[in-house]
Amino acid sequence: MSAEDGLGTRTMISFSKIIERSRGYHLRDFVIEEPLVNERYLLQPLTRPISSYWKGWVLVQAARRTGRFTVEIAMALHDRYPLHNGLVRPFFGVDGVRERAANIDGREDGWYEYRSQEQLTRVLGEATQRAASTGFNHLYERHAATIVREAKRAQDLLNQWEARDAQAGEAPLGQRFPELEHELRAAEFVSNAPWVSSMRPVLGDAAWMLSDARRRSALTYVMASLMATTDEAEMSQNIYVPAVLDDEAGTMCGRTPFYLYLDPSDSFDERVDRFCFFKALDIVEAQFAPTDRLQLSAGVRTRGFDLEQ
């Protein structure tokens, strides 16, 4: 296999075999999931539970027509690949984060190159072993406390919404939660979002939630609550995005982070609206179902690793 051929010209089965051949001690318990393919990349997730609280991923992103690949690591409290890179500021994660594996060593995204199948097997083994052996400690130490805090906030907001929504009777959105100063503003943003063409890629597979009455109610409540309780300086600041080449969050998660697609707004109010809407969307997507709420208590510290390493 030449560098010009790349991985994508081979079948997905052969790629799984290459990963299987490169699997070492630290990948022994990982499950090789079904790959995802688009016109440019083959994305191969490997997954395993890393504790009773956390699930981990090692994701290989291989260029289809050139001999190169990169590796991403992720961990989450729910069984779904995280949308947000943990280095984005302000922090947008609700139940998990991801980073390119180069960040383990404090480097920007690095791509590995190969010129033969034998070289690929060796380099892929080295890269994925490094990610699996040290990547989750790296993510846990850097992000776990923040993720747990955000997951608890999400849980509490949705519990509050459920209680208030049950009391609201037939009152329409915008007048349903009178204790929320910004309810009408939030309701109008939620209602208009599906009709704005630039919003479609960033809503992606989550767009259906805006046509579901109960989820629309939850989105409005959570968005309005965030507008009242979050620091305006955080909501309106310029968003820092790390230097990542060809972020494939859209392929992995069904939608693209809004800050990767939408141009930064010059309007203070628009920046606040976007921050609160997309944070609310992440919260509702993660924990709308009561069975998805994690019953986290104040001050809880989730164990990062309670399985044999």
Protein backbone atom coordinates (compact mmCIF):
# COMPACT_ATOMS: atom_id res chain seq x y z
CA MET A 1 0.00 0.00 0.00
CA SER A 2 1.58 3.27 -1.08
CA ALA A 3 1.34 6.64 0.59
CA GLU A 4 -0.84 7.77 -2.28
CA ASP A 5 -3.29 4.93 -1.73
CA GLY A 6 -3.99 5.75 1.90
CA LEU A 7 -6.19 3.65 4.14
CA GLY A 8 -9.54 4.43 2.62
CA THR A 9 -8.84 2.59 -0.61
CA ARG A 10 -8.71 -0.63 1.42
CA THR A 11 -11.82 -2.19 2.83
CA MET A 12 -12.99 -1.35 6.33
CA ILE A 13 -12.37 -4.99 7.26
CA SER A 14 -8.71 -4.76 6.28
CA PHE A 15 -8.32 -1.60 8.38
CA SER A 16 -9.80 -3.41 11.39
CA LYS A 17 -7.26 -6.17 10.78
CA ILE A 18 -4.43 -3.64 10.78
CA ILE A 19 -5.63 -2.31 14.14
CA GLU A 20 -5.98 -5.85 15.45
CA ARG A 21 -2.40 -6.61 14.43
CA SER A 22 -1.19 -3.43 16.12
CA ARG A 23 -3.16 -4.07 19.31
CA GLY A 24 -0.90 -4.33 22.33
CA TYR A 25 -1.21 -4.61 26.10
CA HIS A 26 -2.98 -1.29 26.64
CA LEU A 27 -5.54 -1.97 23.91
CA ARG A 28 -6.34 -5.52 24.96
CA ASP A 29 -9.75 -4.68 26.44
CA PHE A 30 -10.90 -2.21 23.80
CA VAL A 31 -13.77 -3.05 21.46
CA ILE A 32 -13.20 -2.10 17.82
CA GLU A 33 -16.49 -0.45 16.83
CA GLU A 34 -17.91 -0.05 13.34
CA PRO A 35 -15.95 2.60 11.43
CA LEU A 36 -17.48 5.76 10.00
CA VAL A 37 -16.47 6.87 6.53
CA ASN A 38 -16.88 10.11 4.61
CA GLU A 39 -15.30 11.38 1.39
CA ARG A 40 -12.02 12.32 3.11
CA TYR A 41 -11.56 10.16 6.19
CA LEU A 42 -12.09 6.80 7.76
CA LEU A 43 -12.83 7.14 11.47
CA GLN A 44 -12.21 4.06 13.59
CA PRO A 45 -13.36 4.22 17.24
CA LEU A 46 -12.05 1.82 19.87
CA THR A 47 -13.92 1.88 23.18
CA ARG A 48 -13.86 0.48 26.70
CA PRO A 49 -15.29 1.38 30.11
CA ILE A 50 -12.49 2.88 32.17
CA SER A 51 -14.41 2.95 35.45
CA SER A 52 -17.95 2.47 36.71
CA TYR A 53 -18.52 6.16 35.87
CA TRP A 54 -16.51 6.78 32.71
CA LYS A 55 -16.27 5.41 29.19
CA GLY A 56 -13.17 5.99 27.07
CA TRP A 57 -12.45 6.13 23.36
CA VAL A 58 -9.35 6.03 21.21
CA LEU A 59 -10.28 7.33 17.76
CA VAL A 60 -8.06 6.86 14.70
CA GLN A 61 -8.75 9.38 11.93
CA ALA A 62 -7.14 8.13 8.73
CA ALA A 63 -6.93 10.10 5.48
CA ARG A 64 -8.47 8.12 2.64
CA ARG A 65 -6.13 9.23 -0.14
CA THR A 66 -2.86 10.03 1.60
CA GLY A 67 -0.75 7.94 3.91
CA ARG A 68 -1.37 9.74 7.19
CA PHE A 69 -3.52 9.54 10.28
CA THR A 70 -4.06 11.19 13.65
CA VAL A 71 -5.39 9.92 16.98
CA GLU A 72 -7.96 11.43 19.33
CA ILE A 73 -8.82 10.44 22.90
CA ALA A 74 -12.16 11.01 24.61
CA MET A 75 -13.95 10.21 27.85
CA ALA A 76 -17.54 10.74 28.94
CA LEU A 77 -20.05 9.93 31.65
CA HIS A 78 -22.53 8.76 28.99
CA ASP A 79 -22.15 6.19 26.25
CA ARG A 80 -21.82 8.69 23.36
CA TYR A 81 -18.83 10.33 21.76
CA PRO A 82 -18.27 13.85 23.16
CA LEU A 83 -18.94 16.81 20.87
CA HIS A 84 -16.55 19.33 22.42
CA ASN A 85 -12.77 19.53 22.53
CA GLY A 86 -11.75 20.01 26.15
CA LEU A 87 -9.35 22.85 25.29
CA VAL A 88 -12.08 25.11 23.87
CA ARG A 89 -12.68 28.14 26.06
CA PRO A 90 -15.14 28.89 27.51
CA PHE A 91 -15.82 25.28 28.43
CA PHE A 92 -18.79 23.79 26.56
CA GLY A 93 -18.68 20.15 27.62
CA VAL A 94 -21.62 18.73 29.58
CA ASP A 95 -20.88 15.03 29.98
CA GLY A 96 -17.53 14.48 28.25
CA VAL A 97 -14.59 15.88 26.31
CA ARG A 98 -12.10 14.91 23.66
CA GLU A 99 -8.60 16.02 22.69
CA ARG A 100 -6.12 15.11 20.01
CA ALA A 101 -3.58 12.72 21.50
CA ALA A 102 -0.68 15.10 20.80
CA ASN A 103 -2.02 17.24 23.66
CA ILE A 104 -0.84 14.56 26.10
CA ASP A 105 2.64 15.95 25.53
CA GLY A 106 1.53 19.57 25.25
CA ARG A 107 1.82 19.62 21.46
CA GLU A 108 -0.65 20.73 18.81
CA ASP A 109 -2.36 18.18 16.60
CA GLY A 110 0.23 15.87 15.05
CA TRP A 111 -0.30 13.55 12.08
CA TYR A 112 1.60 10.30 11.54
CA GLU A 113 2.79 9.36 8.06
CA TYR A 114 3.54 5.92 6.61
CA ARG A 115 4.72 4.46 3.31
CA SER A 116 3.88 0.78 3.67
CA GLN A 117 1.43 -1.45 5.43
CA GLU A 118 4.21 -2.74 7.68
CA GLN A 119 5.17 0.81 8.66
CA LEU A 120 1.53 1.65 9.25
CA THR A 121 1.09 -1.33 11.59
CA ARG A 122 4.12 -0.29 13.62
CA VAL A 123 3.37 3.44 13.78
CA LEU A 124 -0.33 2.89 14.45
CA GLY A 125 0.52 0.52 17.28
CA GLU A 126 2.88 3.03 18.87
CA ALA A 127 0.39 5.91 18.58
CA THR A 128 -2.65 4.04 19.90
CA GLN A 129 -0.68 2.40 22.72
CA ARG A 130 0.52 5.80 23.85
CA ALA A 131 -3.03 7.19 23.72
CA ALA A 132 -4.53 4.23 25.62
CA SER A 133 -1.84 4.04 28.28
CA THR A 134 -1.65 7.71 29.30
CA GLY A 135 -4.50 9.53 27.54
CA PHE A 136 -7.26 8.85 30.04
CA ASN A 137 -5.19 9.89 33.02
CA HIS A 138 -4.44 13.08 31.09
CA LEU A 139 -8.14 13.75 30.39
CA TYR A 140 -9.24 12.82 33.90
CA GLU A 141 -6.76 15.05 35.66
CA ARG A 142 -7.41 17.98 33.34
CA HIS A 143 -11.18 17.82 32.89
CA ALA A 144 -13.00 15.38 35.20
CA ALA A 145 -13.85 17.85 37.97
CA THR A 146 -15.25 20.34 35.46
CA ILE A 147 -17.28 17.68 33.64
CA VAL A 148 -18.80 16.43 36.90
CA ARG A 149 -19.67 20.00 37.88
CA GLU A 150 -21.32 20.64 34.51
CA ALA A 151 -23.14 17.29 34.55
CA LYS A 152 -24.53 18.09 37.99
CA ARG A 153 -25.67 21.53 36.82
CA ALA A 154 -27.39 19.89 33.84
CA GLN A 155 -29.08 17.34 36.10
CA ASP A 156 -30.29 20.02 38.51
CA LEU A 157 -31.62 22.29 35.77
CA LEU A 158 -33.60 19.48 34.16
CA ASN A 159 -34.98 18.33 37.50
CA GLN A 160 -36.10 21.92 38.15
CA TRP A 161 -37.62 22.20 34.66
CA GLU A 162 -39.55 18.96 35.11
CA ALA A 163 -41.11 20.19 38.35
CA ARG A 164 -41.93 23.66 36.96
CA ASP A 165 -43.26 22.33 33.65
CA ALA A 166 -45.67 20.05 35.49
CA GLN A 167 -47.07 23.09 37.33
CA ALA A 168 -47.35 25.33 34.27
CA GLY A 169 -50.56 23.90 32.86
CA GLU A 170 -51.35 25.14 29.35
CA ALA A 171 -49.33 28.36 29.51
CA PRO A 172 -47.41 28.92 26.25
CA LEU A 173 -43.65 29.13 26.04
CA GLY A 174 -42.59 32.67 26.71
CA GLN A 175 -45.13 32.88 29.54
CA ARG A 176 -44.69 29.43 31.03
CA PHE A 177 -42.03 30.09 33.65
CA PRO A 178 -42.73 33.56 35.09
CA GLU A 179 -39.80 33.38 37.51
CA LEU A 180 -37.39 33.40 34.52
CA GLU A 181 -36.67 36.96 33.39
CA HIS A 182 -35.35 35.88 29.98
CA GLU A 183 -37.95 33.23 29.11
CA LEU A 184 -39.52 35.14 26.19
CA ARG A 185 -36.12 35.92 24.66
CA ALA A 186 -35.08 32.27 25.00
CA ALA A 187 -38.40 31.00 23.62
CA GLU A 188 -38.08 33.20 20.54
CA PHE A 189 -34.51 32.05 19.88
CA VAL A 190 -35.48 28.37 20.23
CA SER A 191 -38.50 28.87 17.97
CA ASN A 192 -36.52 30.67 15.25
CA ALA A 193 -33.42 28.46 15.26
CA PRO A 194 -34.69 25.75 12.84
CA TRP A 195 -35.53 28.37 10.21
CA VAL A 196 -32.08 30.00 10.10
CA SER A 197 -30.12 28.35 7.27
CA SER A 198 -26.73 28.84 8.95
CA MET A 199 -27.98 26.91 11.99
CA ARG A 200 -28.70 23.67 10.14
CA PRO A 201 -25.18 22.15 10.27
CA VAL A 202 -24.77 23.05 13.93
CA LEU A 203 -28.17 21.61 14.84
CA GLY A 204 -27.56 18.51 12.73
CA ASP A 205 -29.11 15.36 14.17
CA ALA A 206 -30.36 17.33 17.19
CA ALA A 207 -32.72 19.47 15.07
CA TRP A 208 -35.64 17.13 15.74
CA MET A 209 -35.59 18.14 19.41
CA LEU A 210 -36.86 21.60 18.44
CA SER A 211 -40.05 20.07 17.03
CA ASP A 212 -40.73 18.05 20.18
CA ALA A 213 -42.89 20.11 22.54
CA ARG A 214 -41.41 18.84 25.79
CA ARG A 215 -37.83 19.16 24.66
CA ARG A 216 -38.56 22.65 23.33
CA SER A 217 -39.95 23.52 26.76
CA ALA A 218 -36.82 22.10 28.43
CA LEU A 219 -34.54 23.99 26.03
CA THR A 220 -36.34 27.26 26.75
CA TYR A 221 -36.21 26.76 30.52
CA VAL A 222 -32.54 25.77 30.56
CA MET A 223 -31.50 28.53 28.13
CA ALA A 224 -33.33 31.21 30.12
CA SER A 225 -31.85 29.88 33.37
CA LEU A 226 -28.33 30.00 31.95
CA MET A 227 -28.89 33.57 30.78
CA ALA A 228 -29.75 34.56 34.34
CA THR A 229 -27.03 32.65 36.18
CA THR A 230 -23.96 32.59 33.92
CA ASP A 231 -21.30 35.29 33.92
CA GLU A 232 -21.93 37.64 30.98
CA ALA A 233 -18.19 37.99 30.44
CA GLU A 234 -17.95 34.22 29.92
CA MET A 235 -20.96 34.09 27.62
CA SER A 236 -19.86 36.96 25.40
CA GLN A 237 -16.11 36.44 25.18
CA ASN A 238 -14.30 35.43 22.03
CA ILE A 239 -14.13 31.64 21.84
CA TYR A 240 -10.68 30.03 21.86
CA VAL A 241 -10.46 26.94 19.65
CA PRO A 242 -7.23 24.88 19.60
CA ALA A 243 -5.38 24.31 16.35
CA VAL A 244 -6.92 21.03 15.17
CA LEU A 245 -6.66 19.95 11.54
CA ASP A 246 -9.94 18.70 10.05
CA ASP A 247 -12.07 18.23 13.15
CA GLU A 248 -14.60 15.49 12.34
CA ALA A 249 -17.02 16.12 15.21
CA GLY A 250 -19.85 16.34 12.69
CA THR A 251 -19.18 12.81 11.45
CA MET A 252 -18.78 11.36 14.93
CA CYS A 253 -21.59 13.25 16.68
CA GLY A 254 -24.11 14.13 13.97
CA ARG A 255 -23.59 17.86 14.38
CA THR A 256 -20.78 20.39 14.36
CA PRO A 257 -19.85 22.66 17.30
CA PHE A 258 -21.29 26.07 16.46
CA TYR A 259 -17.98 27.87 16.97
CA LEU A 260 -16.38 25.77 14.21
CA TYR A 261 -19.02 26.77 11.67
CA LEU A 262 -20.68 30.07 12.52
CA ASP A 263 -18.73 33.28 12.09
CA PRO A 264 -18.17 35.13 15.38
CA SER A 265 -20.95 37.63 15.96
CA ASP A 266 -20.27 41.33 16.51
CA SER A 267 -23.42 41.54 18.63
CA PHE A 268 -23.07 41.11 22.39
CA ASP A 269 -26.65 39.82 22.68
CA GLU A 270 -26.16 37.35 19.84
CA ARG A 271 -23.02 35.93 21.47
CA VAL A 272 -24.91 35.47 24.75
CA ASP A 273 -27.86 33.86 22.95
CA ARG A 274 -25.63 31.41 21.10
CA PHE A 275 -23.70 30.44 24.21
CA CYS A 276 -26.84 29.74 26.23
CA PHE A 277 -28.77 28.06 23.42
CA PHE A 278 -26.05 25.61 22.48
CA LYS A 279 -25.17 24.89 26.10
CA ALA A 280 -28.87 24.21 26.70
CA LEU A 281 -28.99 21.99 23.61
CA ASP A 282 -26.05 19.95 24.94
CA ILE A 283 -27.71 19.66 28.35
CA VAL A 284 -31.05 18.49 26.94
CA GLU A 285 -29.35 16.10 24.54
CA ALA A 286 -27.31 14.56 27.37
CA GLN A 287 -29.81 14.28 30.22
CA PHE A 288 -33.38 14.92 29.04
CA ALA A 289 -34.47 11.40 29.98
CA PRO A 290 -34.58 10.94 33.78
CA THR A 291 -32.69 7.66 33.34
CA ASP A 292 -29.80 9.65 31.80
CA ARG A 293 -29.45 11.90 34.85
CA LEU A 294 -26.54 10.74 36.91
CA GLN A 295 -27.85 11.49 40.42
CA LEU A 296 -24.68 13.37 41.24
CA SER A 297 -24.44 14.92 44.70
CA ALA A 298 -22.69 18.14 45.63
CA GLY A 299 -18.97 17.59 46.00
CA VAL A 300 -19.02 14.10 44.48
CA ARG A 301 -15.73 12.88 43.05
CA THR A 302 -16.14 10.18 40.46
CA ARG A 303 -13.43 7.56 40.34
CA GLY A 304 -11.40 7.71 37.17
CA PHE A 305 -10.19 4.12 37.26
CA ASP A 306 -11.66 1.26 39.21
CA LEU A 307 -10.93 -1.47 36.68
CA GLU A 308 -7.65 -3.32 36.29
CA GLN A 309 -5.30 -1.23 34.17
